Amino acid sequence: MSDRSYDARGLLCPLPVLKARKLLMEMPQGATLTLLADDAIAVVDIPHFCTEAGHTLVSQTDDGSAQTYVIRRGA
């Protein structure tokens, strides 16, 4: 599997989701993407995107300055 990471800090809605979508489409099914974001709306947008697109949100953490999302690509 080819795991990737992307730093989306500084990008505002909807760009973190759009970047995640583009990267996940380039990855094989089952691969994981670690996404860093600091947009407050990403807390809602990323989980919703995963549910709607059929991806799995493996983990979601917030250290106060940024959120880290680990997303496993679905079908």
Foldseek 3Di string as FASTA:
>chain_A
DDEEEDECEPDEPPVQLVVVVVVLVVDDAFYKYKYKYQYPCCVVVVVVSCVVQVKDFPDWDDPPRIIITIIGRHD
